[in-house]
């Protein structure tokens, strides 16, 4: 059966809901007092023990399907590319970048910008000059900025643009890449 990644991800959510219901069923009917009548005796040949056995098998089957779908999604992500600007990566690599690298880059860029802005504000309050590193300081109390602020702002904009473009590209790929389940 062919599914887009979007459909496969939706099926995974459905499987999780089904697993939860099946777990509740198995737990609910797992024990009873001997004196009480089996509530599933008429509904299932073999009563509660057989119903529980069937549900546990269904749980195992659903878990295997979940594993298969996840593996197929990973394979599709590893074999399909996204290009943003001049940078091409597999979807899998972009997902790792978004999860692991992008937050660190964002934090560094934001920290740099904030630190420079704070230093400028403090210098202004104290009557000190702020000088970029390629200029000559006139006083020993001048604050030197060792980062090209225009480049920093461009880097911040580029980072946000990559994240936004990536989200759109991932949505597009999820809707169009097909896996065979």
Protein backbone atom coordinates (compact mmCIF):
# COMPACT_ATOMS: atom_id res chain seq x y z
CA UNK A 1 0.00 0.00 0.00
CA UNK A 2 1.44 3.37 -1.03
CA UNK A 3 1.27 6.25 1.46
CA UNK A 4 2.72 9.71 1.50
CA UNK A 5 4.87 10.48 4.51
CA UNK A 6 2.09 12.75 5.77
CA UNK A 7 -0.37 9.86 5.60
CA UNK A 8 2.14 7.53 7.24
CA UNK A 9 2.70 9.98 10.11
CA UNK A 10 -1.08 10.25 10.57
CA UNK A 11 -1.31 6.44 10.62
CA UNK A 12 1.32 6.35 13.36
CA UNK A 13 -0.88 8.59 15.50
CA UNK A 14 -3.85 6.32 14.81
CA UNK A 15 -1.81 3.27 15.75
CA UNK A 16 -0.85 4.91 19.04
CA UNK A 17 -4.52 5.54 19.85
CA UNK A 18 -5.43 1.97 18.94
CA UNK A 19 -2.61 0.62 21.10
CA UNK A 20 -3.84 2.63 24.04
CA UNK A 21 -7.38 1.24 23.69
CA UNK A 22 -6.11 -2.31 23.29
CA UNK A 23 -3.94 -1.93 26.39
CA UNK A 24 -6.95 -0.73 28.38
CA UNK A 25 -8.97 -3.73 27.14
CA UNK A 26 -6.26 -6.26 28.03
CA UNK A 27 -5.72 -4.77 31.48
CA UNK A 28 -9.46 -4.56 32.18
CA UNK A 29 -10.13 -8.21 31.34
CA UNK A 30 -6.85 -9.64 32.63
CA UNK A 31 -8.26 -10.76 35.99
CA UNK A 32 -11.61 -11.60 37.58
CA UNK A 33 -12.84 -13.56 40.53
CA UNK A 34 -13.62 -17.21 39.83
CA UNK A 35 -17.14 -16.74 41.16
CA UNK A 36 -17.95 -14.05 38.58
CA UNK A 37 -19.19 -14.96 35.13
CA UNK A 38 -16.79 -14.31 32.25
CA UNK A 39 -18.15 -11.12 30.59
CA UNK A 40 -16.70 -12.14 27.20
CA UNK A 41 -17.86 -15.76 27.29
CA UNK A 42 -20.60 -15.24 24.71
CA UNK A 43 -18.81 -12.60 22.63
CA UNK A 44 -15.60 -14.54 21.96
CA UNK A 45 -15.09 -18.28 21.60
CA UNK A 46 -12.80 -19.08 24.50
CA UNK A 47 -13.96 -16.06 26.52
CA UNK A 48 -11.64 -13.54 28.16
CA UNK A 49 -8.46 -15.62 27.88
CA UNK A 50 -8.88 -15.91 24.10
CA UNK A 51 -9.92 -12.26 23.74
CA UNK A 52 -6.82 -11.17 25.65
CA UNK A 53 -4.62 -13.45 23.56
CA UNK A 54 -6.12 -12.00 20.37
CA UNK A 55 -5.67 -8.42 21.57
CA UNK A 56 -2.07 -9.03 22.62
CA UNK A 57 -1.38 -10.43 19.16
CA UNK A 58 -3.04 -7.37 17.64
CA UNK A 59 -0.83 -5.15 19.82
CA UNK A 60 2.28 -6.99 18.58
CA UNK A 61 1.11 -6.62 14.98
CA UNK A 62 0.47 -2.89 15.42
CA UNK A 63 3.89 -2.39 17.02
CA UNK A 64 5.53 -4.18 14.09
CA UNK A 65 3.61 -1.99 11.64
CA UNK A 66 4.77 1.06 13.54
CA UNK A 67 8.40 -0.10 13.30
CA UNK A 68 8.01 -0.74 9.58
CA UNK A 69 6.46 2.68 8.91
CA UNK A 70 9.16 4.47 10.92
CA UNK A 71 11.90 2.57 9.05
CA UNK A 72 10.35 3.37 5.67
CA UNK A 73 10.06 7.05 6.60
CA UNK A 74 13.72 7.07 7.69
CA UNK A 75 14.77 5.43 4.43
CA UNK A 76 12.75 7.93 2.41
CA UNK A 77 14.22 10.81 4.41
CA UNK A 78 17.74 9.50 3.83
CA UNK A 79 17.25 9.14 0.08
CA UNK A 80 15.41 12.40 -0.71
CA UNK A 81 17.14 15.77 -0.90
CA UNK A 82 16.14 19.32 -0.08
CA UNK A 83 18.08 22.30 -1.40
CA UNK A 84 17.89 25.61 0.41
CA UNK A 85 19.90 28.32 -1.27
CA UNK A 86 23.10 26.60 -2.30
CA UNK A 87 23.01 23.92 0.38
CA UNK A 88 21.65 20.46 -0.41
CA UNK A 89 21.16 17.82 2.24
CA UNK A 90 19.09 14.72 2.68
CA UNK A 91 15.83 15.25 4.54
CA UNK A 92 17.29 13.14 7.36
CA UNK A 93 20.27 15.48 7.63
CA UNK A 94 18.06 18.57 7.54
CA UNK A 95 15.95 17.11 10.36
CA UNK A 96 19.07 16.51 12.45
CA UNK A 97 20.29 20.03 11.64
CA UNK A 98 16.94 21.53 12.69
CA UNK A 99 16.83 19.52 15.92
CA UNK A 100 20.51 19.69 16.99
CA UNK A 101 22.37 22.47 15.18
CA UNK A 102 19.83 25.20 14.49
CA UNK A 103 18.98 25.89 18.15
CA UNK A 104 22.68 26.21 19.01
CA UNK A 105 23.31 28.55 16.06
CA UNK A 106 20.24 30.57 17.05
CA UNK A 107 21.42 30.83 20.65
CA UNK A 108 24.93 31.95 19.59
CA UNK A 109 23.63 34.56 17.15
CA UNK A 110 21.12 35.90 19.67
CA UNK A 111 23.71 35.97 22.46
CA UNK A 112 26.19 37.87 20.30
CA UNK A 113 23.60 40.40 19.23
CA UNK A 114 22.35 40.85 22.78
CA UNK A 115 25.87 41.21 24.20
CA UNK A 116 26.79 43.88 21.67
CA UNK A 117 23.51 45.76 22.21
CA UNK A 118 24.02 45.66 26.01
CA UNK A 119 27.61 46.88 25.66
CA UNK A 120 26.48 49.75 23.42
CA UNK A 121 23.77 50.77 25.89
CA UNK A 122 26.19 50.59 28.82
CA UNK A 123 28.83 52.56 26.94
CA UNK A 124 26.31 55.25 26.07
CA UNK A 125 25.23 55.55 29.73
CA UNK A 126 28.85 55.93 30.84
CA UNK A 127 29.85 58.30 28.05
CA UNK A 128 32.21 55.81 26.46
CA UNK A 129 32.72 55.28 22.75
CA UNK A 130 31.99 52.05 20.90
CA UNK A 131 34.46 51.25 18.15
CA UNK A 132 34.44 48.41 15.65
CA UNK A 133 37.63 46.38 15.72
CA UNK A 134 39.00 47.65 12.39
CA UNK A 135 38.90 51.26 13.63
CA UNK A 136 41.31 52.92 16.03
CA UNK A 137 40.13 53.47 19.60
CA UNK A 138 40.85 56.95 20.87
CA UNK A 139 40.66 56.18 24.60
CA UNK A 140 41.63 53.15 26.64
CA UNK A 141 38.06 52.99 27.95
CA UNK A 142 36.54 52.67 24.45
CA UNK A 143 34.59 49.49 23.87
CA UNK A 144 35.79 47.44 20.90
CA UNK A 145 33.27 45.35 18.98
CA UNK A 146 35.07 42.41 17.40
CA UNK A 147 32.09 41.27 15.34
CA UNK A 148 30.88 42.76 12.08
CA UNK A 149 27.36 43.70 13.15
CA UNK A 150 26.02 43.97 9.61
CA UNK A 151 27.20 40.42 8.89
CA UNK A 152 25.75 39.26 12.20
CA UNK A 153 22.35 40.66 11.28
CA UNK A 154 22.55 39.03 7.85
CA UNK A 155 23.47 35.73 9.50
CA UNK A 156 20.48 36.02 11.82
CA UNK A 157 18.15 36.77 8.91
CA UNK A 158 19.64 33.93 6.85
CA UNK A 159 19.20 31.51 9.74
CA UNK A 160 15.52 32.45 10.14
CA UNK A 161 15.01 32.23 6.38
CA UNK A 162 16.54 28.74 6.27
CA UNK A 163 14.30 27.57 9.11
CA UNK A 164 11.19 28.98 7.43
CA UNK A 165 12.08 27.58 4.03
CA UNK A 166 12.94 24.23 5.57
CA UNK A 167 9.54 23.96 7.24
CA UNK A 168 7.83 24.62 3.93
CA UNK A 169 10.05 22.16 2.05
CA UNK A 170 9.51 19.46 4.68
CA UNK A 171 5.74 19.90 4.43
CA UNK A 172 5.96 19.68 0.65
CA UNK A 173 8.16 16.56 0.73
CA UNK A 174 5.96 14.90 3.37
CA UNK A 175 2.96 15.46 1.12
CA UNK A 176 4.65 14.19 -2.05
CA UNK A 177 7.21 11.51 -1.10
CA UNK A 178 5.56 8.10 -1.22
CA UNK A 179 6.53 5.02 0.76
CA UNK A 180 5.32 1.51 0.06
CA UNK A 181 4.00 -0.06 3.28
